[in-house]
PDB file of N, CA and C in Angstrom:
ATOM      1  N   UNK A   1       4.900 -14.139  -2.841  1.00  0.00           N
ATOM      2  CA  UNK A   1       3.864 -14.954  -2.272  1.00  0.00           C
ATOM      3  C   UNK A   1       4.106 -15.027  -0.770  1.00  0.00           C
ATOM      4  N   UNK A   2       3.044 -14.936  -0.012  1.00  0.00           N
ATOM      5  CA  UNK A   2       3.143 -14.960   1.445  1.00  0.00           C
ATOM      6  C   UNK A   2       2.315 -16.103   2.014  1.00  0.00           C
ATOM      7  N   UNK A   3       2.710 -16.548   3.168  1.00  0.00           N
ATOM      8  CA  UNK A   3       1.943 -17.579   3.860  1.00  0.00           C
ATOM      9  C   UNK A   3       0.705 -16.955   4.492  1.00  0.00           C
ATOM     10  N   UNK A   4      -0.368 -17.741   4.674  1.00  0.00           N
ATOM     11  CA  UNK A   4      -1.571 -17.216   5.327  1.00  0.00           C
ATOM     12  C   UNK A   4      -1.233 -16.574   6.673  1.00  0.00           C
ATOM     13  N   UNK A   5      -1.886 -15.476   6.955  1.00  0.00           N
ATOM     14  CA  UNK A   5      -1.769 -14.719   8.194  1.00  0.00           C
ATOM     15  C   UNK A   5      -0.417 -14.044   8.389  1.00  0.00           C
ATOM     16  N   UNK A   6       0.428 -14.022   7.361  1.00  0.00           N
ATOM     17  CA  UNK A   6       1.683 -13.292   7.484  1.00  0.00           C
ATOM     18  C   UNK A   6       1.498 -11.884   6.933  1.00  0.00           C
ATOM     19  N   UNK A   7       2.359 -10.972   7.329  1.00  0.00           N
ATOM     20  CA  UNK A   7       2.281  -9.595   6.845  1.00  0.00           C
ATOM     21  C   UNK A   7       2.951  -9.478   5.488  1.00  0.00           C
ATOM     22  N   UNK A   8       2.385  -8.633   4.655  1.00  0.00           N
ATOM     23  CA  UNK A   8       2.994  -8.288   3.377  1.00  0.00           C
ATOM     24  C   UNK A   8       3.044  -6.771   3.303  1.00  0.00           C
ATOM     25  N   UNK A   9       3.972  -6.266   2.523  1.00  0.00           N
ATOM     26  CA  UNK A   9       4.110  -4.820   2.434  1.00  0.00           C
ATOM     27  C   UNK A   9       4.290  -4.365   1.006  1.00  0.00           C
ATOM     28  N   UNK A  10       3.931  -3.122   0.769  1.00  0.00           N
ATOM     29  CA  UNK A  10       4.104  -2.497  -0.540  1.00  0.00           C
ATOM     30  C   UNK A  10       4.755  -1.155  -0.336  1.00  0.00           C
ATOM     31  N   UNK A  11       5.465  -0.734  -1.348  1.00  0.00           N
ATOM     32  CA  UNK A  11       6.186   0.529  -1.319  1.00  0.00           C
ATOM     33  C   UNK A  11       5.846   1.275  -2.597  1.00  0.00           C
ATOM     34  N   UNK A  12       5.521   2.542  -2.494  1.00  0.00           N
ATOM     35  CA  UNK A  12       5.230   3.371  -3.666  1.00  0.00           C
ATOM     36  C   UNK A  12       6.179   4.558  -3.679  1.00  0.00           C
ATOM     37  N   UNK A  13       6.558   4.975  -4.877  1.00  0.00           N
ATOM     38  CA  UNK A  13       7.396   6.155  -5.065  1.00  0.00           C
ATOM     39  C   UNK A  13       6.656   7.112  -5.976  1.00  0.00           C
ATOM     40  N   UNK A  14       6.531   8.352  -5.549  1.00  0.00           N
ATOM     41  CA  UNK A  14       5.825   9.368  -6.317  1.00  0.00           C
ATOM     42  C   UNK A  14       6.767  10.521  -6.613  1.00  0.00           C
ATOM     43  N   UNK A  15       6.604  11.153  -7.779  1.00  0.00           N
ATOM     44  CA  UNK A  15       7.429  12.334  -8.058  1.00  0.00           C
ATOM     45  C   UNK A  15       7.051  13.515  -7.168  1.00  0.00           C
ATOM     46  N   UNK A  16       5.892  13.443  -6.533  1.00  0.00           N
ATOM     47  CA  UNK A  16       5.492  14.495  -5.596  1.00  0.00           C
ATOM     48  C   UNK A  16       6.276  14.331  -4.306  1.00  0.00           C
ATOM     49  N   UNK A  17       6.335  15.371  -3.557  1.00  0.00           N
ATOM     50  CA  UNK A  17       7.094  15.332  -2.313  1.00  0.00           C
ATOM     51  C   UNK A  17       6.170  15.404  -1.100  1.00  0.00           C
ATOM     52  N   UNK A  18       6.720  15.794   0.013  1.00  0.00           N
ATOM     53  CA  UNK A  18       5.984  15.802   1.280  1.00  0.00           C
ATOM     54  C   UNK A  18       4.626  16.479   1.161  1.00  0.00           C
ATOM     55  N   UNK A  19       3.723  16.040   1.978  1.00  0.00           N
ATOM     56  CA  UNK A  19       2.354  16.524   2.121  1.00  0.00           C
ATOM     57  C   UNK A  19       1.393  15.903   1.114  1.00  0.00           C
ATOM     58  N   UNK A  20       1.859  15.112   0.165  1.00  0.00           N
ATOM     59  CA  UNK A  20       0.957  14.361  -0.714  1.00  0.00           C
ATOM     60  C   UNK A  20       0.682  13.015  -0.042  1.00  0.00           C
ATOM     61  N   UNK A  21      -0.380  12.329  -0.475  1.00  0.00           N
ATOM     62  CA  UNK A  21      -0.708  11.025   0.090  1.00  0.00           C
ATOM     63  C   UNK A  21      -0.887   9.996  -1.016  1.00  0.00           C
ATOM     64  N   UNK A  22      -0.772   8.730  -0.638  1.00  0.00           N
ATOM     65  CA  UNK A  22      -0.979   7.595  -1.530  1.00  0.00           C
ATOM     66  C   UNK A  22      -1.977   6.665  -0.854  1.00  0.00           C
ATOM     67  N   UNK A  23      -2.949   6.186  -1.615  1.00  0.00           N
ATOM     68  CA  UNK A  23      -3.887   5.193  -1.113  1.00  0.00           C
ATOM     69  C   UNK A  23      -3.594   3.867  -1.796  1.00  0.00           C
ATOM     70  N   UNK A  24      -3.309   2.839  -1.013  1.00  0.00           N
ATOM     71  CA  UNK A  24      -3.091   1.494  -1.533  1.00  0.00           C
ATOM     72  C   UNK A  24      -4.438   0.777  -1.538  1.00  0.00           C
ATOM     73  N   UNK A  25      -4.748   0.099  -2.644  1.00  0.00           N
ATOM     74  CA  UNK A  25      -6.037  -0.586  -2.773  1.00  0.00           C
ATOM     75  C   UNK A  25      -5.844  -1.985  -3.327  1.00  0.00           C
ATOM     76  N   UNK A  26      -6.779  -2.854  -2.978  1.00  0.00           N
ATOM     77  CA  UNK A  26      -6.885  -4.198  -3.559  1.00  0.00           C
ATOM     78  C   UNK A  26      -8.111  -4.140  -4.452  1.00  0.00           C
ATOM     79  N   UNK A  27      -7.903  -3.992  -5.760  1.00  0.00           N
ATOM     80  CA  UNK A  27      -9.018  -3.720  -6.659  1.00  0.00           C
ATOM     81  C   UNK A  27      -9.556  -2.342  -6.317  1.00  0.00           C
ATOM     82  N   UNK A  28     -10.842  -2.256  -5.974  1.00  0.00           N
ATOM     83  CA  UNK A  28     -11.432  -0.963  -5.613  1.00  0.00           C
ATOM     84  C   UNK A  28     -11.536  -0.768  -4.097  1.00  0.00           C
ATOM     85  N   UNK A  29     -10.992  -1.695  -3.317  1.00  0.00           N
ATOM     86  CA  UNK A  29     -11.094  -1.631  -1.859  1.00  0.00           C
ATOM     87  C   UNK A  29      -9.820  -1.060  -1.244  1.00  0.00           C
ATOM     88  N   UNK A  30      -9.905   0.100  -0.588  1.00  0.00           N
ATOM     89  CA  UNK A  30      -8.719   0.653   0.074  1.00  0.00           C
ATOM     90  C   UNK A  30      -8.198  -0.312   1.142  1.00  0.00           C
ATOM     91  N   UNK A  31      -6.884  -0.406   1.257  1.00  0.00           N
ATOM     92  CA  UNK A  31      -6.268  -1.293   2.242  1.00  0.00           C
ATOM     93  C   UNK A  31      -6.008  -0.597   3.571  1.00  0.00           C
ATOM     94  N   UNK A  32      -6.402   0.630   3.676  1.00  0.00           N
ATOM     95  CA  UNK A  32      -6.210   1.396   4.902  1.00  0.00           C
ATOM     96  C   UNK A  32      -6.298   2.866   4.577  1.00  0.00           C
ATOM     97  N   UNK A  33      -5.998   3.704   5.560  1.00  0.00           N
ATOM     98  CA  UNK A  33      -6.042   5.144   5.309  1.00  0.00           C
ATOM     99  C   UNK A  33      -4.922   5.557   4.353  1.00  0.00           C
ATOM    100  N   UNK A  34      -5.089   6.717   3.747  1.00  0.00           N
ATOM    101  CA  UNK A  34      -4.059   7.253   2.854  1.00  0.00           C
ATOM    102  C   UNK A  34      -2.750   7.397   3.629  1.00  0.00           C
ATOM    103  N   UNK A  35      -1.648   7.075   2.966  1.00  0.00           N
ATOM    104  CA  UNK A  35      -0.328   7.141   3.578  1.00  0.00           C
ATOM    105  C   UNK A  35       0.382   8.410   3.122  1.00  0.00           C
ATOM    106  N   UNK A  36       0.937   9.157   4.055  1.00  0.00           N
ATOM    107  CA  UNK A  36       1.648  10.385   3.745  1.00  0.00           C
ATOM    108  C   UNK A  36       3.001  10.052   3.127  1.00  0.00           C
ATOM    109  N   UNK A  37       3.324  10.717   2.018  1.00  0.00           N
ATOM    110  CA  UNK A  37       4.646  10.546   1.416  1.00  0.00           C
ATOM    111  C   UNK A  37       5.698  11.167   2.325  1.00  0.00           C
ATOM    112  N   UNK A  38       6.860  10.526   2.386  1.00  0.00           N
ATOM    113  CA  UNK A  38       7.946  11.137   3.143  1.00  0.00           C
ATOM    114  C   UNK A  38       8.631  12.193   2.273  1.00  0.00           C
ATOM    115  N   UNK A  39       9.661  12.812   2.754  1.00  0.00           N
ATOM    116  CA  UNK A  39      10.349  13.877   2.035  1.00  0.00           C
ATOM    117  C   UNK A  39      10.983  13.438   0.735  1.00  0.00           C
ATOM    118  N   UNK A  40      11.151  12.129   0.539  1.00  0.00           N
ATOM    119  CA  UNK A  40      11.722  11.602  -0.705  1.00  0.00           C
ATOM    120  C   UNK A  40      10.660  11.103  -1.671  1.00  0.00           C
ATOM    121  N   UNK A  41       9.381  11.242  -1.308  1.00  0.00           N
ATOM    122  CA  UNK A  41       8.295  10.794  -2.180  1.00  0.00           C
ATOM    123  C   UNK A  41       7.922   9.335  -2.022  1.00  0.00           C
ATOM    124  N   UNK A  42       8.301   8.705  -0.903  1.00  0.00           N
ATOM    125  CA  UNK A  42       8.010   7.295  -0.655  1.00  0.00           C
ATOM    126  C   UNK A  42       6.840   7.136   0.313  1.00  0.00           C
ATOM    127  N   UNK A  43       6.049   6.097   0.098  1.00  0.00           N
ATOM    128  CA  UNK A  43       4.989   5.715   1.030  1.00  0.00           C
ATOM    129  C   UNK A  43       4.979   4.197   1.126  1.00  0.00           C
ATOM    130  N   UNK A  44       4.667   3.672   2.300  1.00  0.00           N
ATOM    131  CA  UNK A  44       4.618   2.223   2.491  1.00  0.00           C
ATOM    132  C   UNK A  44       3.374   1.839   3.282  1.00  0.00           C
ATOM    133  N   UNK A  45       2.996   0.572   3.126  1.00  0.00           N
ATOM    134  CA  UNK A  45       1.914   0.003   3.924  1.00  0.00           C
ATOM    135  C   UNK A  45       2.245  -1.469   4.148  1.00  0.00           C
ATOM    136  N   UNK A  46       1.883  -1.974   5.306  1.00  0.00           N
ATOM    137  CA  UNK A  46       2.068  -3.380   5.639  1.00  0.00           C
ATOM    138  C   UNK A  46       0.765  -3.872   6.248  1.00  0.00           C
ATOM    139  N   UNK A  47       0.243  -4.989   5.731  1.00  0.00           N
ATOM    140  CA  UNK A  47      -1.018  -5.527   6.240  1.00  0.00           C
ATOM    141  C   UNK A  47      -0.933  -7.041   6.374  1.00  0.00           C
ATOM    142  N   UNK A  48      -1.802  -7.598   7.197  1.00  0.00           N
ATOM    143  CA  UNK A  48      -1.830  -9.054   7.391  1.00  0.00           C
ATOM    144  C   UNK A  48      -3.244  -9.597   7.267  1.00  0.00           C
ATOM    145  N   UNK A  49      -4.144  -8.847   6.630  1.00  0.00           N
ATOM    146  CA  UNK A  49      -5.554  -9.238   6.600  1.00  0.00           C
ATOM    147  C   UNK A  49      -6.062  -9.659   5.226  1.00  0.00           C
ATOM    148  N   UNK A  50      -5.174  -9.825   4.247  1.00  0.00           N
ATOM    149  CA  UNK A  50      -5.636 -10.247   2.924  1.00  0.00           C
ATOM    150  C   UNK A  50      -6.055 -11.711   2.944  1.00  0.00           C
ATOM    151  N   UNK A  51      -7.113 -12.024   2.234  1.00  0.00           N
ATOM    152  CA  UNK A  51      -7.545 -13.414   2.088  1.00  0.00           C
ATOM    153  C   UNK A  51      -6.558 -14.152   1.183  1.00  0.00           C
ATOM    154  N   UNK A  52      -6.532 -15.459   1.294  1.00  0.00           N
ATOM    155  CA  UNK A  52      -5.687 -16.281   0.436  1.00  0.00           C
ATOM    156  C   UNK A  52      -6.156 -16.131  -1.003  1.00  0.00           C
ATOM    157  N   UNK A  53      -5.228 -16.020  -1.936  1.00  0.00           N
ATOM    158  CA  UNK A  53      -5.564 -15.923  -3.350  1.00  0.00           C
ATOM    159  C   UNK A  53      -4.901 -14.722  -3.993  1.00  0.00           C
ATOM    160  N   UNK A  54      -5.135 -14.563  -5.297  1.00  0.00           N
ATOM    161  CA  UNK A  54      -4.505 -13.454  -6.021  1.00  0.00           C
ATOM    162  C   UNK A  54      -5.149 -12.108  -5.675  1.00  0.00           C
ATOM    163  N   UNK A  55      -4.355 -11.065  -5.766  1.00  0.00           N
ATOM    164  CA  UNK A  55      -4.818  -9.711  -5.471  1.00  0.00           C
ATOM    165  C   UNK A  55      -4.207  -8.742  -6.474  1.00  0.00           C
ATOM    166  N   UNK A  56      -4.961  -7.714  -6.830  1.00  0.00           N
ATOM    167  CA  UNK A  56      -4.457  -6.650  -7.688  1.00  0.00           C
ATOM    168  C   UNK A  56      -4.283  -5.419  -6.810  1.00  0.00           C
ATOM    169  N   UNK A  57      -3.041  -5.135  -6.447  1.00  0.00           N
ATOM    170  CA  UNK A  57      -2.743  -4.031  -5.547  1.00  0.00           C
ATOM    171  C   UNK A  57      -2.319  -2.819  -6.374  1.00  0.00           C
ATOM    172  N   UNK A  58      -2.926  -1.671  -6.072  1.00  0.00           N
ATOM    173  CA  UNK A  58      -2.568  -0.429  -6.757  1.00  0.00           C
ATOM    174  C   UNK A  58      -2.266   0.646  -5.719  1.00  0.00           C
ATOM    175  N   UNK A  59      -1.538   1.646  -6.165  1.00  0.00           N
ATOM    176  CA  UNK A  59      -1.264   2.831  -5.347  1.00  0.00           C
ATOM    177  C   UNK A  59      -1.700   4.033  -6.160  1.00  0.00           C
ATOM    178  N   UNK A  60      -2.528   4.884  -5.573  1.00  0.00           N
ATOM    179  CA  UNK A  60      -2.988   6.074  -6.300  1.00  0.00           C
ATOM    180  C   UNK A  60      -3.008   7.273  -5.377  1.00  0.00           C
TER     181      UNK A  60
END
């Protein structure tokens, strides 16, 4: 849980390696541009614009 106007972050791990991307979404709304996986298959995003309340965050 985060305080209003604070940044929150998510981390995704994919079995795919470099050159693949991950899109983080809140429901059906993308939270930003697709994030490039690093050489270990990790992608991250940090945002501070979510409204107060529950959110369903996915990475695809």
